[in-house]
Amino acid sequence: QVQLVEYGGGLVQAGGSLRLSCEASRGIFSGDAMGWYRQAPGKRRELVATISSGGSEVYADSVKGRFTISRDNAKNTVYLQMGSLKPDDTAVYYCYLFILTYGRNYWGQGTQVTVSS
């Protein structure tokens, strides 16, 4: 069973920074990807950022230039460094791991990020 454990999140003022971490119970292999989605109240879950096994990064337009995704392969961990936070970034952030061999995503439990104005 693949497990993802998220760390970080919390309450921050607008303009501030936070770092989220997500540790997976297995490594990322060729064709896999890992990243973050978020879901605000009353809204659909949306992709925030993802990083492939090859290191390619993709960001939502709304976070480009403010968020950075990175990965520590030795720790099976992906990070989301969030800067210049806005109230619109308030959401539950979910880590995911896509495993090509199984053809599906695995999800973390979610962590709340609240940005106050």
C-alpha atoms as a PDB file:
ATOM      1  CA  GLN A   1       0.000   0.000   0.000  1.00  0.00           C
ATOM      2  CA  VAL A   2       1.446   3.333  -1.054  1.00  0.00           C
ATOM      3  CA  GLN A   3       1.244   6.024   1.605  1.00  0.00           C
ATOM      4  CA  LEU A   4       1.863   9.742   1.429  1.00  0.00           C
ATOM      5  CA  VAL A   5       2.378  11.890   4.514  1.00  0.00           C
ATOM      6  CA  GLU A   6       2.214  15.653   4.267  1.00  0.00           C
ATOM      7  CA  TYR A   7       3.843  18.218   6.504  1.00  0.00           C
ATOM      8  CA  GLY A   8       3.637  21.976   6.684  1.00  0.00           C
ATOM      9  CA  GLY A   9       0.695  24.213   6.059  1.00  0.00           C
ATOM     10  CA  GLY A  10      -0.895  26.542   8.536  1.00  0.00           C
ATOM     11  CA  LEU A  11      -1.876  30.181   8.805  1.00  0.00           C
ATOM     12  CA  VAL A  12       0.183  32.922   7.188  1.00  0.00           C
ATOM     13  CA  GLN A  13      -0.351  36.544   6.293  1.00  0.00           C
ATOM     14  CA  ALA A  14      -0.609  37.681   2.711  1.00  0.00           C
ATOM     15  CA  GLY A  15       2.812  38.122   1.199  1.00  0.00           C
ATOM     16  CA  GLY A  16       4.303  35.460   3.425  1.00  0.00           C
ATOM     17  CA  SER A  17       5.816  32.070   2.672  1.00  0.00           C
ATOM     18  CA  LEU A  18       5.217  28.453   3.581  1.00  0.00           C
ATOM     19  CA  ARG A  19       6.796  25.156   2.644  1.00  0.00           C
ATOM     20  CA  LEU A  20       4.886  21.931   2.270  1.00  0.00           C
ATOM     21  CA  SER A  21       6.532  18.533   2.343  1.00  0.00           C
ATOM     22  CA  CYS A  22       5.220  15.165   1.245  1.00  0.00           C
ATOM     23  CA  GLU A  23       6.990  11.917   1.990  1.00  0.00           C
ATOM     24  CA  ALA A  24       6.073   8.817   0.020  1.00  0.00           C
ATOM     25  CA  SER A  25       6.465   5.241   1.177  1.00  0.00           C
ATOM     26  CA  ARG A  26       8.204   4.391  -2.106  1.00  0.00           C
ATOM     27  CA  GLY A  27      10.429   6.085  -4.619  1.00  0.00           C
ATOM     28  CA  ILE A  28       9.566   7.657  -7.934  1.00  0.00           C
ATOM     29  CA  PHE A  29      10.428   5.522 -10.929  1.00  0.00           C
ATOM     30  CA  SER A  30      10.502   6.210 -14.626  1.00  0.00           C
ATOM     31  CA  GLY A  31       7.112   7.423 -15.810  1.00  0.00           C
ATOM     32  CA  ASP A  32       5.926   8.375 -12.337  1.00  0.00           C
ATOM     33  CA  ALA A  33       5.111  11.888 -11.225  1.00  0.00           C
ATOM     34  CA  MET A  34       4.562  13.624  -7.920  1.00  0.00           C
ATOM     35  CA  GLY A  35       3.035  16.933  -7.024  1.00  0.00           C
ATOM     36  CA  TRP A  36       0.315  18.971  -5.412  1.00  0.00           C
ATOM     37  CA  TYR A  37      -3.325  19.754  -5.975  1.00  0.00           C
ATOM     38  CA  ARG A  38      -5.449  22.101  -3.927  1.00  0.00           C
ATOM     39  CA  GLN A  39      -9.125  22.533  -3.217  1.00  0.00           C
ATOM     40  CA  ALA A  40     -10.724  25.687  -1.895  1.00  0.00           C
ATOM     41  CA  PRO A  41     -14.202  25.685  -0.322  1.00  0.00           C
ATOM     42  CA  GLY A  42     -16.858  25.403  -2.993  1.00  0.00           C
ATOM     43  CA  LYS A  43     -14.313  24.923  -5.759  1.00  0.00           C
ATOM     44  CA  ARG A  44     -13.005  21.972  -7.713  1.00  0.00           C
ATOM     45  CA  ARG A  45      -9.655  20.420  -6.963  1.00  0.00           C
ATOM     46  CA  GLU A  46      -6.994  21.969  -9.189  1.00  0.00           C
ATOM     47  CA  LEU A  47      -3.435  21.120 -10.055  1.00  0.00           C
ATOM     48  CA  VAL A  48      -0.873  23.392  -8.426  1.00  0.00           C
ATOM     49  CA  ALA A  49       2.448  21.885  -9.482  1.00  0.00           C
ATOM     50  CA  THR A  50       3.906  18.594 -10.555  1.00  0.00           C
ATOM     51  CA  ILE A  51       7.359  17.158 -11.121  1.00  0.00           C
ATOM     52  CA  SER A  52       8.054  14.149 -13.277  1.00  0.00           C
ATOM     53  CA  SER A  53      10.545  11.360 -12.737  1.00  0.00           C
ATOM     54  CA  GLY A  54      12.748  13.157 -15.243  1.00  0.00           C
ATOM     55  CA  GLY A  55      12.563  16.385 -13.295  1.00  0.00           C
ATOM     56  CA  SER A  56      10.193  18.293 -15.572  1.00  0.00           C
ATOM     57  CA  GLU A  57       8.074  20.802 -13.676  1.00  0.00           C
ATOM     58  CA  VAL A  58       4.608  22.081 -14.492  1.00  0.00           C
ATOM     59  CA  TYR A  59       2.822  24.864 -12.648  1.00  0.00           C
ATOM     60  CA  ALA A  60      -0.655  26.300 -12.663  1.00  0.00           C
ATOM     61  CA  ASP A  61      -0.660  29.771 -14.189  1.00  0.00           C
ATOM     62  CA  SER A  62      -1.924  31.195 -10.916  1.00  0.00           C
ATOM     63  CA  VAL A  63       1.214  30.153  -9.021  1.00  0.00           C
ATOM     64  CA  LYS A  64       3.951  30.569 -11.633  1.00  0.00           C
ATOM     65  CA  GLY A  65       6.781  32.673 -10.307  1.00  0.00           C
ATOM     66  CA  ARG A  66       5.572  32.318  -6.731  1.00  0.00           C
ATOM     67  CA  PHE A  67       5.689  28.574  -6.029  1.00  0.00           C
ATOM     68  CA  THR A  68       8.531  26.136  -6.594  1.00  0.00           C
ATOM     69  CA  ILE A  69       8.310  22.369  -6.560  1.00  0.00           C
ATOM     70  CA  SER A  70      11.348  20.258  -5.810  1.00  0.00           C
ATOM     71  CA  ARG A  71      12.203  16.694  -4.949  1.00  0.00           C
ATOM     72  CA  ASP A  72      14.638  14.802  -2.748  1.00  0.00           C
ATOM     73  CA  ASN A  73      14.927  11.337  -4.248  1.00  0.00           C
ATOM     74  CA  ALA A  74      16.916   9.979  -1.329  1.00  0.00           C
ATOM     75  CA  LYS A  75      14.041  10.855   1.000  1.00  0.00           C
ATOM     76  CA  ASN A  76      11.183  10.034  -1.398  1.00  0.00           C
ATOM     77  CA  THR A  77       9.974  13.532  -0.628  1.00  0.00           C
ATOM     78  CA  VAL A  78       8.545  16.346  -2.700  1.00  0.00           C
ATOM     79  CA  TYR A  79       8.413  19.933  -1.518  1.00  0.00           C
ATOM     80  CA  LEU A  80       6.293  22.919  -2.441  1.00  0.00           C
ATOM     81  CA  GLN A  81       7.870  26.229  -1.557  1.00  0.00           C
ATOM     82  CA  MET A  82       5.136  28.860  -1.625  1.00  0.00           C
ATOM     83  CA  GLY A  83       5.948  32.554  -1.664  1.00  0.00           C
ATOM     84  CA  SER A  84       4.080  35.845  -2.081  1.00  0.00           C
ATOM     85  CA  LEU A  85       1.029  34.080  -0.778  1.00  0.00           C
ATOM     86  CA  LYS A  86      -2.388  35.534  -1.470  1.00  0.00           C
ATOM     87  CA  PRO A  87      -5.754  34.972   0.205  1.00  0.00           C
ATOM     88  CA  ASP A  88      -6.788  33.172  -2.994  1.00  0.00           C
ATOM     89  CA  ASP A  89      -4.170  30.516  -2.200  1.00  0.00           C
ATOM     90  CA  THR A  90      -6.230  29.446   0.808  1.00  0.00           C
ATOM     91  CA  ALA A  91      -7.160  25.810   0.308  1.00  0.00           C
ATOM     92  CA  VAL A  92      -6.524  22.271   1.400  1.00  0.00           C
ATOM     93  CA  TYR A  93      -3.384  21.126  -0.381  1.00  0.00           C
ATOM     94  CA  TYR A  94      -3.135  17.479  -1.390  1.00  0.00           C
ATOM     95  CA  CYS A  95       0.030  15.690  -2.317  1.00  0.00           C
ATOM     96  CA  TYR A  96      -0.225  13.011  -4.980  1.00  0.00           C
ATOM     97  CA  LEU A  97       1.961  10.340  -6.487  1.00  0.00           C
ATOM     98  CA  PHE A  98       1.131   8.963  -9.920  1.00  0.00           C
ATOM     99  CA  ILE A  99       2.536   5.484 -10.403  1.00  0.00           C
ATOM    100  CA  LEU A 100       2.685   4.503 -14.061  1.00  0.00           C
ATOM    101  CA  THR A 101       2.873   0.768 -13.314  1.00  0.00           C
ATOM    102  CA  TYR A 102      -0.478   0.898 -11.528  1.00  0.00           C
ATOM    103  CA  GLY A 103      -2.003   3.607 -13.724  1.00  0.00           C
ATOM    104  CA  ARG A 104      -3.372   5.623 -10.837  1.00  0.00           C
ATOM    105  CA  ASN A 105      -2.796   8.409  -8.358  1.00  0.00           C
ATOM    106  CA  TYR A 106      -2.244   7.963  -4.651  1.00  0.00           C
ATOM    107  CA  TRP A 107      -3.154  10.826  -2.340  1.00  0.00           C
ATOM    108  CA  GLY A 108      -2.053  12.336   0.911  1.00  0.00           C
ATOM    109  CA  GLN A 109      -4.519  13.294   3.613  1.00  0.00           C
ATOM    110  CA  GLY A 110      -4.400  16.995   2.790  1.00  0.00           C
ATOM    111  CA  THR A 111      -3.041  19.946   4.711  1.00  0.00           C
ATOM    112  CA  GLN A 112      -4.784  23.269   5.263  1.00  0.00           C
ATOM    113  CA  VAL A 113      -3.153  26.475   4.079  1.00  0.00           C
ATOM    114  CA  THR A 114      -4.866  29.677   5.143  1.00  0.00           C
ATOM    115  CA  VAL A 115      -3.667  33.069   3.956  1.00  0.00           C
ATOM    116  CA  SER A 116      -5.062  36.052   5.805  1.00  0.00           C
ATOM    117  CA  SER A 117      -5.378  39.470   4.222  1.00  0.00           C
END
